[in-house]
């Protein structure tokens, strides 16, 4: 039980450690404290640079992309030419050396699937940062859980269509300006859709993506190779840009 020194090695009767083990422990414990202190200091330094006291900042490490979610959370929008919209609006865009990537999700009008997509977008796994913002065409059934999940983390949701007010009135739920895609795309029905309608949708959604990326670029805080995106300040900047609350 405990340490098992070799025969002939003196052992402290209280700790059960040999003299060599005690010396090593005396060196390692302060070293561990120093490492922990440095890590804490770095974390506090990042926090101190972030002006958002409530929701903090989305932090992008060196080389990580700026993620914008694009979610088709209505049955009609699953037929929209969203890949074309991404190519037109974002293309090969970078913000301070960090590539802008669009995370495209197609849950349709399925509240459970859309909610799971929202949880994945706002999570911060080791391999990629959380989404800076989410754009979505939403059906009424999916609008409430989506807005609540994103609002709980301070992540802005920009609706690409008019939706009924969410009962909880989340402050991070905005609407894309001058965009009435449900009316303009009422003829969209999958195969055989008029090409001019597809071009219209791609152009409008691509334009919104481009504007949101532009606002993010103006709001980032540079910290060496890292970028900090203050969540509440981003929401406020989008409102000033003309994205009204839902």
C-alpha atoms as a PDB file:
ATOM      1  CA  UNK A   1       0.000   0.000   0.000  1.00  0.00           C
ATOM      2  CA  UNK A   2       1.417   3.442  -0.888  1.00  0.00           C
ATOM      3  CA  UNK A   3       5.033   3.620  -2.119  1.00  0.00           C
ATOM      4  CA  UNK A   4       7.221   0.555  -2.358  1.00  0.00           C
ATOM      5  CA  UNK A   5      10.864   1.665  -2.133  1.00  0.00           C
ATOM      6  CA  UNK A   6      13.692  -0.705  -2.870  1.00  0.00           C
ATOM      7  CA  UNK A   7      15.287  -2.561   0.072  1.00  0.00           C
ATOM      8  CA  UNK A   8      17.759  -0.450   2.039  1.00  0.00           C
ATOM      9  CA  UNK A   9      16.027   2.847   1.157  1.00  0.00           C
ATOM     10  CA  UNK A  10      15.128   4.985   4.149  1.00  0.00           C
ATOM     11  CA  UNK A  11      11.417   5.795   4.387  1.00  0.00           C
ATOM     12  CA  UNK A  12       9.715   8.599   6.278  1.00  0.00           C
ATOM     13  CA  UNK A  13       7.495   6.901   8.914  1.00  0.00           C
ATOM     14  CA  UNK A  14       4.744   9.536   8.517  1.00  0.00           C
ATOM     15  CA  UNK A  15       4.460   9.941   4.752  1.00  0.00           C
ATOM     16  CA  UNK A  16       5.722   6.509   3.746  1.00  0.00           C
ATOM     17  CA  UNK A  17       7.927   8.162   1.114  1.00  0.00           C
ATOM     18  CA  UNK A  18      11.612   7.632   0.537  1.00  0.00           C
ATOM     19  CA  UNK A  19      13.924  10.646   0.733  1.00  0.00           C
ATOM     20  CA  UNK A  20      14.274  10.682  -3.076  1.00  0.00           C
ATOM     21  CA  UNK A  21      10.489  10.527  -3.521  1.00  0.00           C
ATOM     22  CA  UNK A  22       9.983  13.320  -1.003  1.00  0.00           C
ATOM     23  CA  UNK A  23      12.478  15.556  -2.845  1.00  0.00           C
ATOM     24  CA  UNK A  24      10.779  14.863  -6.180  1.00  0.00           C
ATOM     25  CA  UNK A  25       7.389  15.638  -4.685  1.00  0.00           C
ATOM     26  CA  UNK A  26       8.716  18.865  -3.186  1.00  0.00           C
ATOM     27  CA  UNK A  27       9.805  19.937  -6.674  1.00  0.00           C
ATOM     28  CA  UNK A  28       6.694  18.795  -8.546  1.00  0.00           C
ATOM     29  CA  UNK A  29       4.055  20.275  -6.230  1.00  0.00           C
ATOM     30  CA  UNK A  30       5.253  23.890  -6.609  1.00  0.00           C
ATOM     31  CA  UNK A  31       5.725  23.264 -10.333  1.00  0.00           C
ATOM     32  CA  UNK A  32       2.125  22.117 -10.570  1.00  0.00           C
ATOM     33  CA  UNK A  33       1.002  25.193  -8.678  1.00  0.00           C
ATOM     34  CA  UNK A  34       2.963  27.422 -11.073  1.00  0.00           C
ATOM     35  CA  UNK A  35       1.465  25.729 -14.141  1.00  0.00           C
ATOM     36  CA  UNK A  36      -2.026  26.051 -12.675  1.00  0.00           C
ATOM     37  CA  UNK A  37      -1.397  29.692 -11.789  1.00  0.00           C
ATOM     38  CA  UNK A  38      -0.152  30.497 -15.299  1.00  0.00           C
ATOM     39  CA  UNK A  39      -3.174  28.788 -16.881  1.00  0.00           C
ATOM     40  CA  UNK A  40      -5.497  30.712 -14.591  1.00  0.00           C
ATOM     41  CA  UNK A  41      -3.732  33.988 -15.378  1.00  0.00           C
ATOM     42  CA  UNK A  42      -4.062  33.360 -19.126  1.00  0.00           C
ATOM     43  CA  UNK A  43      -7.767  32.583 -18.727  1.00  0.00           C
ATOM     44  CA  UNK A  44      -8.303  35.703 -16.632  1.00  0.00           C
ATOM     45  CA  UNK A  45      -6.411  37.790 -19.189  1.00  0.00           C
ATOM     46  CA  UNK A  46      -8.710  36.577 -21.988  1.00  0.00           C
ATOM     47  CA  UNK A  47     -11.757  37.245 -19.813  1.00  0.00           C
ATOM     48  CA  UNK A  48     -10.535  40.730 -18.944  1.00  0.00           C
ATOM     49  CA  UNK A  49     -10.217  41.568 -22.640  1.00  0.00           C
ATOM     50  CA  UNK A  50     -13.824  40.527 -23.285  1.00  0.00           C
ATOM     51  CA  UNK A  51     -16.306  43.365 -22.674  1.00  0.00           C
ATOM     52  CA  UNK A  52     -19.299  41.012 -22.413  1.00  0.00           C
ATOM     53  CA  UNK A  53     -19.662  40.345 -18.681  1.00  0.00           C
ATOM     54  CA  UNK A  54     -22.781  38.193 -19.015  1.00  0.00           C
ATOM     55  CA  UNK A  55     -22.128  35.853 -21.947  1.00  0.00           C
ATOM     56  CA  UNK A  56     -18.367  36.417 -22.419  1.00  0.00           C
ATOM     57  CA  UNK A  57     -16.817  35.974 -25.858  1.00  0.00           C
ATOM     58  CA  UNK A  58     -16.621  33.245 -28.439  1.00  0.00           C
ATOM     59  CA  UNK A  59     -12.883  32.503 -28.528  1.00  0.00           C
ATOM     60  CA  UNK A  60     -11.107  31.365 -31.680  1.00  0.00           C
ATOM     61  CA  UNK A  61      -7.688  29.833 -31.223  1.00  0.00           C
ATOM     62  CA  UNK A  62      -4.960  30.196 -33.831  1.00  0.00           C
ATOM     63  CA  UNK A  63      -6.095  28.639 -37.107  1.00  0.00           C
ATOM     64  CA  UNK A  64      -9.699  28.030 -36.047  1.00  0.00           C
ATOM     65  CA  UNK A  65     -12.435  29.228 -38.428  1.00  0.00           C
ATOM     66  CA  UNK A  66     -15.171  31.761 -37.785  1.00  0.00           C
ATOM     67  CA  UNK A  67     -18.320  29.619 -37.791  1.00  0.00           C
ATOM     68  CA  UNK A  68     -21.724  30.956 -38.922  1.00  0.00           C
ATOM     69  CA  UNK A  69     -24.621  28.518 -38.722  1.00  0.00           C
ATOM     70  CA  UNK A  70     -27.091  28.380 -41.625  1.00  0.00           C
ATOM     71  CA  UNK A  71     -30.139  26.302 -40.740  1.00  0.00           C
ATOM     72  CA  UNK A  72     -33.138  25.337 -42.866  1.00  0.00           C
ATOM     73  CA  UNK A  73     -35.655  24.819 -40.054  1.00  0.00           C
ATOM     74  CA  UNK A  74     -38.787  24.931 -42.165  1.00  0.00           C
ATOM     75  CA  UNK A  75     -39.937  22.414 -44.739  1.00  0.00           C
ATOM     76  CA  UNK A  76     -39.951  24.966 -47.570  1.00  0.00           C
ATOM     77  CA  UNK A  77     -36.428  26.208 -46.864  1.00  0.00           C
ATOM     78  CA  UNK A  78     -34.912  22.737 -47.258  1.00  0.00           C
ATOM     79  CA  UNK A  79     -35.484  23.289 -50.990  1.00  0.00           C
ATOM     80  CA  UNK A  80     -33.707  26.654 -51.040  1.00  0.00           C
ATOM     81  CA  UNK A  81     -30.367  26.827 -52.910  1.00  0.00           C
ATOM     82  CA  UNK A  82     -28.416  27.460 -49.721  1.00  0.00           C
ATOM     83  CA  UNK A  83     -25.102  26.107 -50.999  1.00  0.00           C
ATOM     84  CA  UNK A  84     -25.267  28.609 -53.829  1.00  0.00           C
ATOM     85  CA  UNK A  85     -26.064  31.327 -51.283  1.00  0.00           C
ATOM     86  CA  UNK A  86     -22.926  30.423 -49.319  1.00  0.00           C
ATOM     87  CA  UNK A  87     -20.787  30.583 -52.460  1.00  0.00           C
ATOM     88  CA  UNK A  88     -22.207  33.978 -53.426  1.00  0.00           C
ATOM     89  CA  UNK A  89     -22.175  35.571 -49.984  1.00  0.00           C
ATOM     90  CA  UNK A  90     -19.066  34.120 -48.348  1.00  0.00           C
ATOM     91  CA  UNK A  91     -16.903  32.356 -50.898  1.00  0.00           C
ATOM     92  CA  UNK A  92     -13.309  32.387 -49.664  1.00  0.00           C
ATOM     93  CA  UNK A  93     -13.677  35.010 -46.917  1.00  0.00           C
ATOM     94  CA  UNK A  94     -11.199  35.478 -44.051  1.00  0.00           C
ATOM     95  CA  UNK A  95     -11.359  37.590 -40.891  1.00  0.00           C
ATOM     96  CA  UNK A  96      -7.878  38.424 -39.597  1.00  0.00           C
ATOM     97  CA  UNK A  97      -6.471  35.204 -40.985  1.00  0.00           C
ATOM     98  CA  UNK A  98      -9.362  33.057 -39.769  1.00  0.00           C
ATOM     99  CA  UNK A  99     -11.447  31.552 -42.545  1.00  0.00           C
ATOM    100  CA  UNK A 100     -15.213  32.072 -42.418  1.00  0.00           C
ATOM    101  CA  UNK A 101     -17.002  28.718 -42.661  1.00  0.00           C
ATOM    102  CA  UNK A 102     -20.744  28.143 -42.937  1.00  0.00           C
ATOM    103  CA  UNK A 103     -22.124  25.184 -40.972  1.00  0.00           C
ATOM    104  CA  UNK A 104     -25.185  24.185 -43.037  1.00  0.00           C
ATOM    105  CA  UNK A 105     -27.956  22.207 -41.278  1.00  0.00           C
ATOM    106  CA  UNK A 106     -31.205  20.914 -42.812  1.00  0.00           C
ATOM    107  CA  UNK A 107     -33.526  19.757 -39.995  1.00  0.00           C
ATOM    108  CA  UNK A 108     -36.712  21.036 -41.663  1.00  0.00           C
ATOM    109  CA  UNK A 109     -39.711  21.819 -39.461  1.00  0.00           C
ATOM    110  CA  UNK A 110     -38.634  19.358 -36.784  1.00  0.00           C
ATOM    111  CA  UNK A 111     -38.304  21.055 -33.400  1.00  0.00           C
ATOM    112  CA  UNK A 112     -36.293  18.220 -31.845  1.00  0.00           C
ATOM    113  CA  UNK A 113     -33.817  17.970 -34.717  1.00  0.00           C
ATOM    114  CA  UNK A 114     -33.479  21.753 -34.927  1.00  0.00           C
ATOM    115  CA  UNK A 115     -32.867  21.963 -31.176  1.00  0.00           C
ATOM    116  CA  UNK A 116     -30.111  19.365 -31.405  1.00  0.00           C
ATOM    117  CA  UNK A 117     -28.511  21.351 -34.224  1.00  0.00           C
ATOM    118  CA  UNK A 118     -28.603  24.478 -32.040  1.00  0.00           C
ATOM    119  CA  UNK A 119     -26.956  22.681 -29.119  1.00  0.00           C
ATOM    120  CA  UNK A 120     -24.179  21.438 -31.401  1.00  0.00           C
ATOM    121  CA  UNK A 121     -23.643  24.873 -32.927  1.00  0.00           C
ATOM    122  CA  UNK A 122     -23.254  26.640 -29.565  1.00  0.00           C
ATOM    123  CA  UNK A 123     -21.085  23.938 -27.983  1.00  0.00           C
ATOM    124  CA  UNK A 124     -17.316  24.455 -27.798  1.00  0.00           C
ATOM    125  CA  UNK A 125     -15.703  21.101 -28.611  1.00  0.00           C
ATOM    126  CA  UNK A 126     -11.911  20.776 -28.700  1.00  0.00           C
ATOM    127  CA  UNK A 127     -11.735  20.670 -32.508  1.00  0.00           C
ATOM    128  CA  UNK A 128     -13.699  23.838 -33.418  1.00  0.00           C
ATOM    129  CA  UNK A 129     -15.156  26.991 -31.860  1.00  0.00           C
ATOM    130  CA  UNK A 130     -18.860  27.689 -31.264  1.00  0.00           C
ATOM    131  CA  UNK A 131     -20.868  29.496 -33.927  1.00  0.00           C
ATOM    132  CA  UNK A 132     -20.577  33.280 -33.784  1.00  0.00           C
ATOM    133  CA  UNK A 133     -24.155  33.638 -35.067  1.00  0.00           C
ATOM    134  CA  UNK A 134     -26.880  31.511 -36.643  1.00  0.00           C
ATOM    135  CA  UNK A 135     -29.064  32.361 -39.660  1.00  0.00           C
ATOM    136  CA  UNK A 136     -32.209  30.327 -40.143  1.00  0.00           C
ATOM    137  CA  UNK A 137     -35.520  30.092 -41.919  1.00  0.00           C
ATOM    138  CA  UNK A 138     -37.771  28.787 -39.143  1.00  0.00           C
ATOM    139  CA  UNK A 139     -41.228  27.350 -38.770  1.00  0.00           C
ATOM    140  CA  UNK A 140     -43.269  28.344 -35.677  1.00  0.00           C
ATOM    141  CA  UNK A 141     -42.795  24.920 -34.068  1.00  0.00           C
ATOM    142  CA  UNK A 142     -38.991  25.162 -34.198  1.00  0.00           C
ATOM    143  CA  UNK A 143     -38.676  28.897 -33.551  1.00  0.00           C
ATOM    144  CA  UNK A 144     -39.265  28.757 -29.789  1.00  0.00           C
ATOM    145  CA  UNK A 145     -36.703  26.086 -28.783  1.00  0.00           C
ATOM    146  CA  UNK A 146     -34.132  27.417 -31.247  1.00  0.00           C
ATOM    147  CA  UNK A 147     -34.384  30.987 -29.957  1.00  0.00           C
ATOM    148  CA  UNK A 148     -34.300  29.842 -26.342  1.00  0.00           C
ATOM    149  CA  UNK A 149     -31.220  27.626 -26.751  1.00  0.00           C
ATOM    150  CA  UNK A 150     -29.283  30.320 -28.582  1.00  0.00           C
ATOM    151  CA  UNK A 151     -30.522  33.053 -26.251  1.00  0.00           C
ATOM    152  CA  UNK A 152     -29.305  31.132 -23.207  1.00  0.00           C
ATOM    153  CA  UNK A 153     -25.753  31.382 -24.557  1.00  0.00           C
ATOM    154  CA  UNK A 154     -26.029  34.908 -25.963  1.00  0.00           C
ATOM    155  CA  UNK A 155     -25.699  33.633 -29.537  1.00  0.00           C
ATOM    156  CA  UNK A 156     -27.623  35.730 -32.048  1.00  0.00           C
ATOM    157  CA  UNK A 157     -30.276  34.027 -34.182  1.00  0.00           C
ATOM    158  CA  UNK A 158     -31.144  35.881 -37.391  1.00  0.00           C
ATOM    159  CA  UNK A 159     -34.446  34.711 -38.858  1.00  0.00           C
ATOM    160  CA  UNK A 160     -34.649  34.664 -42.651  1.00  0.00           C
ATOM    161  CA  UNK A 161     -38.445  34.776 -42.566  1.00  0.00           C
ATOM    162  CA  UNK A 162     -41.185  36.348 -40.466  1.00  0.00           C
ATOM    163  CA  UNK A 163     -42.152  34.223 -37.484  1.00  0.00           C
ATOM    164  CA  UNK A 164     -44.629  34.766 -34.636  1.00  0.00           C
ATOM    165  CA  UNK A 165     -43.078  36.365 -31.532  1.00  0.00           C
ATOM    166  CA  UNK A 166     -41.416  33.841 -29.225  1.00  0.00           C
ATOM    167  CA  UNK A 167     -43.289  33.868 -25.868  1.00  0.00           C
ATOM    168  CA  UNK A 168     -40.121  34.262 -23.800  1.00  0.00           C
ATOM    169  CA  UNK A 169     -39.049  37.271 -25.856  1.00  0.00           C
ATOM    170  CA  UNK A 170     -35.374  36.264 -26.219  1.00  0.00           C
ATOM    171  CA  UNK A 171     -33.181  39.311 -26.727  1.00  0.00           C
ATOM    172  CA  UNK A 172     -30.859  37.570 -29.186  1.00  0.00           C
ATOM    173  CA  UNK A 173     -33.520  36.772 -31.812  1.00  0.00           C
ATOM    174  CA  UNK A 174     -33.345  39.157 -34.780  1.00  0.00           C
ATOM    175  CA  UNK A 175     -34.879  39.286 -38.257  1.00  0.00           C
ATOM    176  CA  UNK A 176     -33.021  39.827 -41.513  1.00  0.00           C
ATOM    177  CA  UNK A 177     -34.091  43.213 -42.947  1.00  0.00           C
ATOM    178  CA  UNK A 178     -36.148  43.579 -46.119  1.00  0.00           C
ATOM    179  CA  UNK A 179     -36.319  39.843 -46.641  1.00  0.00           C
ATOM    180  CA  UNK A 180     -39.651  38.194 -47.430  1.00  0.00           C
ATOM    181  CA  UNK A 181     -38.485  34.896 -48.833  1.00  0.00           C
ATOM    182  CA  UNK A 182     -41.679  32.917 -48.103  1.00  0.00           C
ATOM    183  CA  UNK A 183     -43.662  35.261 -50.382  1.00  0.00           C
ATOM    184  CA  UNK A 184     -40.967  35.594 -53.010  1.00  0.00           C
ATOM    185  CA  UNK A 185     -40.355  31.835 -53.156  1.00  0.00           C
ATOM    186  CA  UNK A 186     -43.929  30.547 -52.964  1.00  0.00           C
ATOM    187  CA  UNK A 187     -43.356  28.816 -56.320  1.00  0.00           C
ATOM    188  CA  UNK A 188     -40.333  26.853 -55.124  1.00  0.00           C
ATOM    189  CA  UNK A 189     -41.226  23.148 -55.223  1.00  0.00           C
ATOM    190  CA  UNK A 190     -38.050  21.151 -55.626  1.00  0.00           C
ATOM    191  CA  UNK A 191     -37.313  19.716 -59.061  1.00  0.00           C
ATOM    192  CA  UNK A 192     -38.231  21.980 -61.953  1.00  0.00           C
ATOM    193  CA  UNK A 193     -38.175  25.182 -59.915  1.00  0.00           C
ATOM    194  CA  UNK A 194     -37.785  28.356 -61.927  1.00  0.00           C
ATOM    195  CA  UNK A 195     -34.122  29.294 -62.182  1.00  0.00           C
ATOM    196  CA  UNK A 196     -34.780  32.979 -61.562  1.00  0.00           C
ATOM    197  CA  UNK A 197     -36.403  32.167 -58.206  1.00  0.00           C
ATOM    198  CA  UNK A 198     -33.415  30.085 -57.179  1.00  0.00           C
ATOM    199  CA  UNK A 199     -31.111  32.921 -58.142  1.00  0.00           C
ATOM    200  CA  UNK A 200     -33.238  35.334 -56.127  1.00  0.00           C
ATOM    201  CA  UNK A 201     -33.055  33.184 -52.993  1.00  0.00           C
ATOM    202  CA  UNK A 202     -29.316  32.572 -53.376  1.00  0.00           C
ATOM    203  CA  UNK A 203     -28.708  36.280 -53.842  1.00  0.00           C
ATOM    204  CA  UNK A 204     -30.836  37.390 -50.875  1.00  0.00           C
ATOM    205  CA  UNK A 205     -29.540  34.805 -48.402  1.00  0.00           C
ATOM    206  CA  UNK A 206     -25.983  35.281 -49.649  1.00  0.00           C
ATOM    207  CA  UNK A 207     -26.347  39.015 -49.078  1.00  0.00           C
ATOM    208  CA  UNK A 208     -27.439  38.465 -45.475  1.00  0.00           C
ATOM    209  CA  UNK A 209     -24.506  36.113 -44.861  1.00  0.00           C
ATOM    210  CA  UNK A 210     -22.118  38.711 -46.268  1.00  0.00           C
ATOM    211  CA  UNK A 211     -23.552  41.472 -44.048  1.00  0.00           C
ATOM    212  CA  UNK A 212     -23.391  39.337 -40.904  1.00  0.00           C
ATOM    213  CA  UNK A 213     -19.782  38.335 -41.659  1.00  0.00           C
ATOM    214  CA  UNK A 214     -18.948  42.000 -42.192  1.00  0.00           C
ATOM    215  CA  UNK A 215     -20.368  42.957 -38.783  1.00  0.00           C
ATOM    216  CA  UNK A 216     -18.447  40.116 -37.114  1.00  0.00           C
ATOM    217  CA  UNK A 217     -15.240  41.371 -38.759  1.00  0.00           C
ATOM    218  CA  UNK A 218     -15.786  44.831 -37.262  1.00  0.00           C
ATOM    219  CA  UNK A 219     -16.499  43.481 -33.766  1.00  0.00           C
ATOM    220  CA  UNK A 220     -13.629  41.024 -33.236  1.00  0.00           C
ATOM    221  CA  UNK A 221     -11.034  41.702 -30.559  1.00  0.00           C
ATOM    222  CA  UNK A 222      -7.520  40.665 -31.508  1.00  0.00           C
ATOM    223  CA  UNK A 223      -5.413  38.813 -28.956  1.00  0.00           C
ATOM    224  CA  UNK A 224      -2.239  37.702 -30.682  1.00  0.00           C
ATOM    225  CA  UNK A 225      -3.289  34.978 -33.097  1.00  0.00           C
ATOM    226  CA  UNK A 226      -6.619  34.512 -31.336  1.00  0.00           C
ATOM    227  CA  UNK A 227      -9.889  36.313 -31.959  1.00  0.00           C
ATOM    228  CA  UNK A 228     -12.519  37.142 -29.364  1.00  0.00           C
ATOM    229  CA  UNK A 229     -16.094  37.780 -30.521  1.00  0.00           C
ATOM    230  CA  UNK A 230     -18.174  39.518 -27.816  1.00  0.00           C
ATOM    231  CA  UNK A 231     -21.647  38.026 -28.072  1.00  0.00           C
ATOM    232  CA  UNK A 232     -23.794  40.880 -26.763  1.00  0.00           C
ATOM    233  CA  UNK A 233     -21.808  43.540 -28.640  1.00  0.00           C
ATOM    234  CA  UNK A 234     -22.296  41.542 -31.841  1.00  0.00           C
ATOM    235  CA  UNK A 235     -26.066  41.439 -31.280  1.00  0.00           C
ATOM    236  CA  UNK A 236     -26.117  45.195 -30.660  1.00  0.00           C
ATOM    237  CA  UNK A 237     -24.042  45.868 -33.783  1.00  0.00           C
ATOM    238  CA  UNK A 238     -26.422  43.790 -35.917  1.00  0.00           C
ATOM    239  CA  UNK A 239     -29.383  45.781 -34.576  1.00  0.00           C
ATOM    240  CA  UNK A 240     -27.571  48.999 -35.559  1.00  0.00           C
ATOM    241  CA  UNK A 241     -26.903  47.438 -38.963  1.00  0.00           C
ATOM    242  CA  UNK A 242     -30.666  47.181 -39.511  1.00  0.00           C
ATOM    243  CA  UNK A 243     -31.520  43.712 -38.149  1.00  0.00           C
ATOM    244  CA  UNK A 244     -34.543  44.415 -35.899  1.00  0.00           C
ATOM    245  CA  UNK A 245     -35.563  42.238 -32.918  1.00  0.00           C
ATOM    246  CA  UNK A 246     -38.023  39.499 -33.840  1.00  0.00           C
END
